[in-house]
Amino acid sequence: MVLRSRFWFGARTGLPAGELRATIPEEIGLGLMRHATTEFKYLSRFLPSLYIAEQRDVEPVELPW
């Protein structure tokens, strides 16, 4: 599975892409990357259990042994 996030900065400023890129600090991109990594780490811990709980009447639960 691949998840790709896209962020649009300054879409309404009318600046050309090269000029717009120069106005956005690198720290913003690094912060967004850190945030996404943390968010998906937490989601990966509880989403499988939530899915199993929601589907318990439809799909049989896989036993770990």
PDB file of N, CA and C in Angstrom:
ATOM      1  N   MET A   1       0.838  -1.161   0.000  1.00  0.00           N
ATOM      2  CA  MET A   1       0.000   0.000   0.000  1.00  0.00           C
ATOM      3  C   MET A   1       0.896   1.241   0.000  1.00  0.00           C
ATOM      4  N   VAL A   2       0.481   2.223  -0.724  1.00  0.00           N
ATOM      5  CA  VAL A   2       1.216   3.485  -0.772  1.00  0.00           C
ATOM      6  C   VAL A   2       0.242   4.599  -0.440  1.00  0.00           C
ATOM      7  N   LEU A   3       0.663   5.473   0.432  1.00  0.00           N
ATOM      8  CA  LEU A   3      -0.148   6.637   0.776  1.00  0.00           C
ATOM      9  C   LEU A   3       0.661   7.869   0.425  1.00  0.00           C
ATOM     10  N   ARG A   4       0.060   8.734  -0.348  1.00  0.00           N
ATOM     11  CA  ARG A   4       0.748   9.968  -0.732  1.00  0.00           C
ATOM     12  C   ARG A   4      -0.099  11.149  -0.303  1.00  0.00           C
ATOM     13  N   SER A   5       0.526  12.076   0.367  1.00  0.00           N
ATOM     14  CA  SER A   5      -0.155  13.298   0.791  1.00  0.00           C
ATOM     15  C   SER A   5       0.343  14.446  -0.073  1.00  0.00           C
ATOM     16  N   ARG A   6      -0.566  15.329  -0.391  1.00  0.00           N
ATOM     17  CA  ARG A   6      -0.193  16.529  -1.150  1.00  0.00           C
ATOM     18  C   ARG A   6      -0.678  17.740  -0.401  1.00  0.00           C
ATOM     19  N   PHE A   7       0.161  18.739  -0.362  1.00  0.00           N
ATOM     20  CA  PHE A   7      -0.163  19.975   0.311  1.00  0.00           C
ATOM     21  C   PHE A   7      -0.006  21.116  -0.695  1.00  0.00           C
ATOM     22  N   TRP A   8      -0.978  21.972  -0.740  1.00  0.00           N
ATOM     23  CA  TRP A   8      -0.961  23.107  -1.663  1.00  0.00           C
ATOM     24  C   TRP A   8      -0.749  24.382  -0.862  1.00  0.00           C
ATOM     25  N   PHE A   9       0.371  25.026  -1.099  1.00  0.00           N
ATOM     26  CA  PHE A   9       0.687  26.273  -0.421  1.00  0.00           C
ATOM     27  C   PHE A   9       0.647  27.402  -1.438  1.00  0.00           C
ATOM     28  N   GLY A  10      -0.016  28.453  -1.083  1.00  0.00           N
ATOM     29  CA  GLY A  10       0.000  29.641  -1.919  1.00  0.00           C
ATOM     30  C   GLY A  10      -0.688  29.500  -3.247  1.00  0.00           C
ATOM     31  N   ALA A  11      -1.655  28.618  -3.361  1.00  0.00           N
ATOM     32  CA  ALA A  11      -2.330  28.391  -4.639  1.00  0.00           C
ATOM     33  C   ALA A  11      -3.040  29.649  -5.130  1.00  0.00           C
ATOM     34  N   ARG A  12      -3.435  30.518  -4.235  1.00  0.00           N
ATOM     35  CA  ARG A  12      -4.182  31.710  -4.629  1.00  0.00           C
ATOM     36  C   ARG A  12      -3.327  32.971  -4.650  1.00  0.00           C
ATOM     37  N   THR A  13      -2.029  32.817  -4.495  1.00  0.00           N
ATOM     38  CA  THR A  13      -1.175  34.005  -4.468  1.00  0.00           C
ATOM     39  C   THR A  13      -0.880  34.526  -5.865  1.00  0.00           C
ATOM     40  N   GLY A  14      -0.957  33.652  -6.853  1.00  0.00           N
ATOM     41  CA  GLY A  14      -0.646  34.064  -8.214  1.00  0.00           C
ATOM     42  C   GLY A  14       0.838  34.071  -8.524  1.00  0.00           C
ATOM     43  N   LEU A  15       1.670  33.663  -7.572  1.00  0.00           N
ATOM     44  CA  LEU A  15       3.113  33.618  -7.810  1.00  0.00           C
ATOM     45  C   LEU A  15       3.467  32.422  -8.676  1.00  0.00           C
ATOM     46  N   PRO A  16       4.447  32.559  -9.553  1.00  0.00           N
ATOM     47  CA  PRO A  16       4.936  31.388 -10.300  1.00  0.00           C
ATOM     48  C   PRO A  16       5.523  30.363  -9.325  1.00  0.00           C
ATOM     49  N   ALA A  17       5.510  29.103  -9.724  1.00  0.00           N
ATOM     50  CA  ALA A  17       5.945  28.022  -8.829  1.00  0.00           C
ATOM     51  C   ALA A  17       7.354  28.248  -8.282  1.00  0.00           C
ATOM     52  N   GLY A  18       8.269  28.706  -9.101  1.00  0.00           N
ATOM     53  CA  GLY A  18       9.647  28.923  -8.644  1.00  0.00           C
ATOM     54  C   GLY A  18       9.734  29.974  -7.555  1.00  0.00           C
ATOM     55  N   GLU A  19       8.999  31.064  -7.717  1.00  0.00           N
ATOM     56  CA  GLU A  19       9.002  32.120  -6.702  1.00  0.00           C
ATOM     57  C   GLU A  19       8.300  31.656  -5.428  1.00  0.00           C
ATOM     58  N   LEU A  20       7.210  30.943  -5.598  1.00  0.00           N
ATOM     59  CA  LEU A  20       6.460  30.455  -4.435  1.00  0.00           C
ATOM     60  C   LEU A  20       7.312  29.500  -3.616  1.00  0.00           C
ATOM     61  N   ARG A  21       8.028  28.600  -4.296  1.00  0.00           N
ATOM     62  CA  ARG A  21       8.891  27.647  -3.603  1.00  0.00           C
ATOM     63  C   ARG A  21       9.927  28.354  -2.745  1.00  0.00           C
ATOM     64  N   ALA A  22      10.430  29.453  -3.238  1.00  0.00           N
ATOM     65  CA  ALA A  22      11.462  30.195  -2.513  1.00  0.00           C
ATOM     66  C   ALA A  22      10.914  30.874  -1.257  1.00  0.00           C
ATOM     67  N   THR A  23       9.603  31.089  -1.189  1.00  0.00           N
ATOM     68  CA  THR A  23       9.020  31.779  -0.031  1.00  0.00           C
ATOM     69  C   THR A  23       8.634  30.835   1.105  1.00  0.00           C
ATOM     70  N   ILE A  24       8.614  29.533   0.840  1.00  0.00           N
ATOM     71  CA  ILE A  24       8.188  28.558   1.856  1.00  0.00           C
ATOM     72  C   ILE A  24       9.430  27.957   2.513  1.00  0.00           C
ATOM     73  N   PRO A  25       9.581  28.136   3.819  1.00  0.00           N
ATOM     74  CA  PRO A  25      10.763  27.592   4.505  1.00  0.00           C
ATOM     75  C   PRO A  25      10.772  26.058   4.503  1.00  0.00           C
ATOM     76  N   GLU A  26      11.950  25.492   4.450  1.00  0.00           N
ATOM     77  CA  GLU A  26      12.112  24.037   4.445  1.00  0.00           C
ATOM     78  C   GLU A  26      11.542  23.411   5.721  1.00  0.00           C
ATOM     79  N   GLU A  27      11.557  24.148   6.820  1.00  0.00           N
ATOM     80  CA  GLU A  27      11.061  23.625   8.095  1.00  0.00           C
ATOM     81  C   GLU A  27       9.577  23.245   8.011  1.00  0.00           C
ATOM     82  N   ILE A  28       8.829  23.934   7.168  1.00  0.00           N
ATOM     83  CA  ILE A  28       7.397  23.607   7.035  1.00  0.00           C
ATOM     84  C   ILE A  28       7.248  22.203   6.460  1.00  0.00           C
ATOM     85  N   GLY A  29       8.000  21.891   5.427  1.00  0.00           N
ATOM     86  CA  GLY A  29       7.940  20.555   4.839  1.00  0.00           C
ATOM     87  C   GLY A  29       8.392  19.471   5.805  1.00  0.00           C
ATOM     88  N   LEU A  30       9.464  19.749   6.522  1.00  0.00           N
ATOM     89  CA  LEU A  30       9.964  18.777   7.495  1.00  0.00           C
ATOM     90  C   LEU A  30       8.955  18.574   8.630  1.00  0.00           C
ATOM     91  N   GLY A  31       8.315  19.654   9.061  1.00  0.00           N
ATOM     92  CA  GLY A  31       7.298  19.542  10.106  1.00  0.00           C
ATOM     93  C   GLY A  31       6.098  18.728   9.651  1.00  0.00           C
ATOM     94  N   LEU A  32       5.665  18.940   8.407  1.00  0.00           N
ATOM     95  CA  LEU A  32       4.541  18.157   7.876  1.00  0.00           C
ATOM     96  C   LEU A  32       4.906  16.681   7.761  1.00  0.00           C
ATOM     97  N   MET A  33       6.134  16.402   7.350  1.00  0.00           N
ATOM     98  CA  MET A  33       6.582  15.015   7.244  1.00  0.00           C
ATOM     99  C   MET A  33       6.601  14.354   8.626  1.00  0.00           C
ATOM    100  N   ARG A  34       7.097  15.068   9.612  1.00  0.00           N
ATOM    101  CA  ARG A  34       7.134  14.544  10.983  1.00  0.00           C
ATOM    102  C   ARG A  34       5.718  14.301  11.502  1.00  0.00           C
ATOM    103  N   HIS A  35       4.821  15.250  11.246  1.00  0.00           N
ATOM    104  CA  HIS A  35       3.435  15.119  11.690  1.00  0.00           C
ATOM    105  C   HIS A  35       2.770  13.898  11.055  1.00  0.00           C
ATOM    106  N   ALA A  36       2.927  13.733   9.752  1.00  0.00           N
ATOM    107  CA  ALA A  36       2.291  12.609   9.055  1.00  0.00           C
ATOM    108  C   ALA A  36       2.828  11.277   9.571  1.00  0.00           C
ATOM    109  N   THR A  37       4.132  11.193   9.781  1.00  0.00           N
ATOM    110  CA  THR A  37       4.727   9.953  10.297  1.00  0.00           C
ATOM    111  C   THR A  37       4.159   9.603  11.663  1.00  0.00           C
ATOM    112  N   THR A  38       4.058  10.575  12.538  1.00  0.00           N
ATOM    113  CA  THR A  38       3.522  10.354  13.876  1.00  0.00           C
ATOM    114  C   THR A  38       2.045   9.969  13.809  1.00  0.00           C
ATOM    115  N   GLU A  39       1.289  10.691  13.002  1.00  0.00           N
ATOM    116  CA  GLU A  39      -0.145  10.423  12.897  1.00  0.00           C
ATOM    117  C   GLU A  39      -0.415   9.002  12.411  1.00  0.00           C
ATOM    118  N   PHE A  40       0.279   8.571  11.358  1.00  0.00           N
ATOM    119  CA  PHE A  40       0.025   7.238  10.825  1.00  0.00           C
ATOM    120  C   PHE A  40       0.563   6.139  11.728  1.00  0.00           C
ATOM    121  N   LYS A  41       1.571   6.441  12.525  1.00  0.00           N
ATOM    122  CA  LYS A  41       2.051   5.459  13.506  1.00  0.00           C
ATOM    123  C   LYS A  41       0.947   5.176  14.524  1.00  0.00           C
ATOM    124  N   TYR A  42       0.304   6.242  15.025  1.00  0.00           N
ATOM    125  CA  TYR A  42      -0.778   6.066  15.993  1.00  0.00           C
ATOM    126  C   TYR A  42      -1.984   5.389  15.363  1.00  0.00           C
ATOM    127  N   LEU A  43      -2.331   5.777  14.148  1.00  0.00           N
ATOM    128  CA  LEU A  43      -3.475   5.150  13.479  1.00  0.00           C
ATOM    129  C   LEU A  43      -3.239   3.657  13.259  1.00  0.00           C
ATOM    130  N   SER A  44      -2.009   3.275  12.931  1.00  0.00           N
ATOM    131  CA  SER A  44      -1.719   1.863  12.673  1.00  0.00           C
ATOM    132  C   SER A  44      -1.873   1.009  13.918  1.00  0.00           C
ATOM    133  N   ARG A  45      -1.852   1.635  15.090  1.00  0.00           N
ATOM    134  CA  ARG A  45      -1.982   0.874  16.329  1.00  0.00           C
ATOM    135  C   ARG A  45      -3.429   0.511  16.651  1.00  0.00           C
ATOM    136  N   PHE A  46      -4.401   1.352  16.289  1.00  0.00           N
ATOM    137  CA  PHE A  46      -5.771   1.027  16.685  1.00  0.00           C
ATOM    138  C   PHE A  46      -6.728   0.760  15.529  1.00  0.00           C
ATOM    139  N   LEU A  47      -6.406   1.147  14.316  1.00  0.00           N
ATOM    140  CA  LEU A  47      -7.341   0.915  13.215  1.00  0.00           C
ATOM    141  C   LEU A  47      -7.605  -0.568  12.932  1.00  0.00           C
ATOM    142  N   PRO A  48      -6.607  -1.451  12.974  1.00  0.00           N
ATOM    143  CA  PRO A  48      -6.924  -2.864  12.750  1.00  0.00           C
ATOM    144  C   PRO A  48      -7.943  -3.414  13.759  1.00  0.00           C
ATOM    145  N   SER A  49      -7.804  -3.061  15.019  1.00  0.00           N
ATOM    146  CA  SER A  49      -8.756  -3.525  16.034  1.00  0.00           C
ATOM    147  C   SER A  49     -10.134  -2.935  15.806  1.00  0.00           C
ATOM    148  N   LEU A  50     -10.188  -1.689  15.407  1.00  0.00           N
ATOM    149  CA  LEU A  50     -11.466  -1.051  15.121  1.00  0.00           C
ATOM    150  C   LEU A  50     -12.165  -1.728  13.949  1.00  0.00           C
ATOM    151  N   TYR A  51     -11.403  -2.058  12.917  1.00  0.00           N
ATOM    152  CA  TYR A  51     -11.976  -2.747  11.761  1.00  0.00           C
ATOM    153  C   TYR A  51     -12.534  -4.112  12.174  1.00  0.00           C
ATOM    154  N   ILE A  52     -11.759  -4.864  12.942  1.00  0.00           N
ATOM    155  CA  ILE A  52     -12.211  -6.191  13.388  1.00  0.00           C
ATOM    156  C   ILE A  52     -13.490  -6.063  14.216  1.00  0.00           C
ATOM    157  N   ALA A  53     -13.538  -5.083  15.092  1.00  0.00           N
ATOM    158  CA  ALA A  53     -14.730  -4.887  15.927  1.00  0.00           C
ATOM    159  C   ALA A  53     -15.953  -4.536  15.080  1.00  0.00           C
ATOM    160  N   GLU A  54     -15.778  -3.714  14.063  1.00  0.00           N
ATOM    161  CA  GLU A  54     -16.905  -3.309  13.214  1.00  0.00           C
ATOM    162  C   GLU A  54     -17.372  -4.439  12.308  1.00  0.00           C
ATOM    163  N   GLN A  55     -16.475  -5.356  11.961  1.00  0.00           N
ATOM    164  CA  GLN A  55     -16.807  -6.432  11.016  1.00  0.00           C
ATOM    165  C   GLN A  55     -17.069  -7.777  11.703  1.00  0.00           C
ATOM    166  N   ARG A  56     -17.167  -7.792  13.019  1.00  0.00           N
ATOM    167  CA  ARG A  56     -17.259  -9.070  13.734  1.00  0.00           C
ATOM    168  C   ARG A  56     -18.488  -9.886  13.363  1.00  0.00           C
ATOM    169  N   ASP A  57     -19.566  -9.245  12.917  1.00  0.00           N
ATOM    170  CA  ASP A  57     -20.766  -9.986  12.525  1.00  0.00           C
ATOM    171  C   ASP A  57     -20.734 -10.405  11.058  1.00  0.00           C
ATOM    172  N   VAL A  58     -19.808  -9.858  10.303  1.00  0.00           N
ATOM    173  CA  VAL A  58     -19.750 -10.111   8.863  1.00  0.00           C
ATOM    174  C   VAL A  58     -18.621 -11.071   8.501  1.00  0.00           C
ATOM    175  N   GLU A  59     -17.451 -10.859   9.087  1.00  0.00           N
ATOM    176  CA  GLU A  59     -16.271 -11.664   8.783  1.00  0.00           C
ATOM    177  C   GLU A  59     -15.817 -12.420  10.027  1.00  0.00           C
ATOM    178  N   PRO A  60     -15.389 -13.663   9.862  1.00  0.00           N
ATOM    179  CA  PRO A  60     -14.862 -14.386  11.023  1.00  0.00           C
ATOM    180  C   PRO A  60     -13.543 -13.771  11.485  1.00  0.00           C
ATOM    181  N   VAL A  61     -13.328 -13.767  12.782  1.00  0.00           N
ATOM    182  CA  VAL A  61     -12.095 -13.225  13.352  1.00  0.00           C
ATOM    183  C   VAL A  61     -10.969 -14.239  13.148  1.00  0.00           C
ATOM    184  N   GLU A  62      -9.821 -13.774  12.644  1.00  0.00           N
ATOM    185  CA  GLU A  62      -8.669 -14.651  12.472  1.00  0.00           C
ATOM    186  C   GLU A  62      -8.032 -14.928  13.828  1.00  0.00           C
ATOM    187  N   LEU A  63      -7.799 -16.179  14.102  1.00  0.00           N
ATOM    188  CA  LEU A  63      -7.141 -16.546  15.345  1.00  0.00           C
ATOM    189  C   LEU A  63      -5.632 -16.497  15.140  1.00  0.00           C
ATOM    190  N   PRO A  64      -4.887 -16.048  16.137  1.00  0.00           N
ATOM    191  CA  PRO A  64      -3.436 -15.910  15.973  1.00  0.00           C
ATOM    192  C   PRO A  64      -2.680 -17.239  15.986  1.00  0.00           C
ATOM    193  N   TRP A  65      -3.337 -18.347  16.210  1.00  0.00           N
ATOM    194  CA  TRP A  65      -2.647 -19.636  16.236  1.00  0.00           C
ATOM    195  C   TRP A  65      -3.226 -20.592  15.225  1.00  0.00           C
TER     196      TRP A  65
END
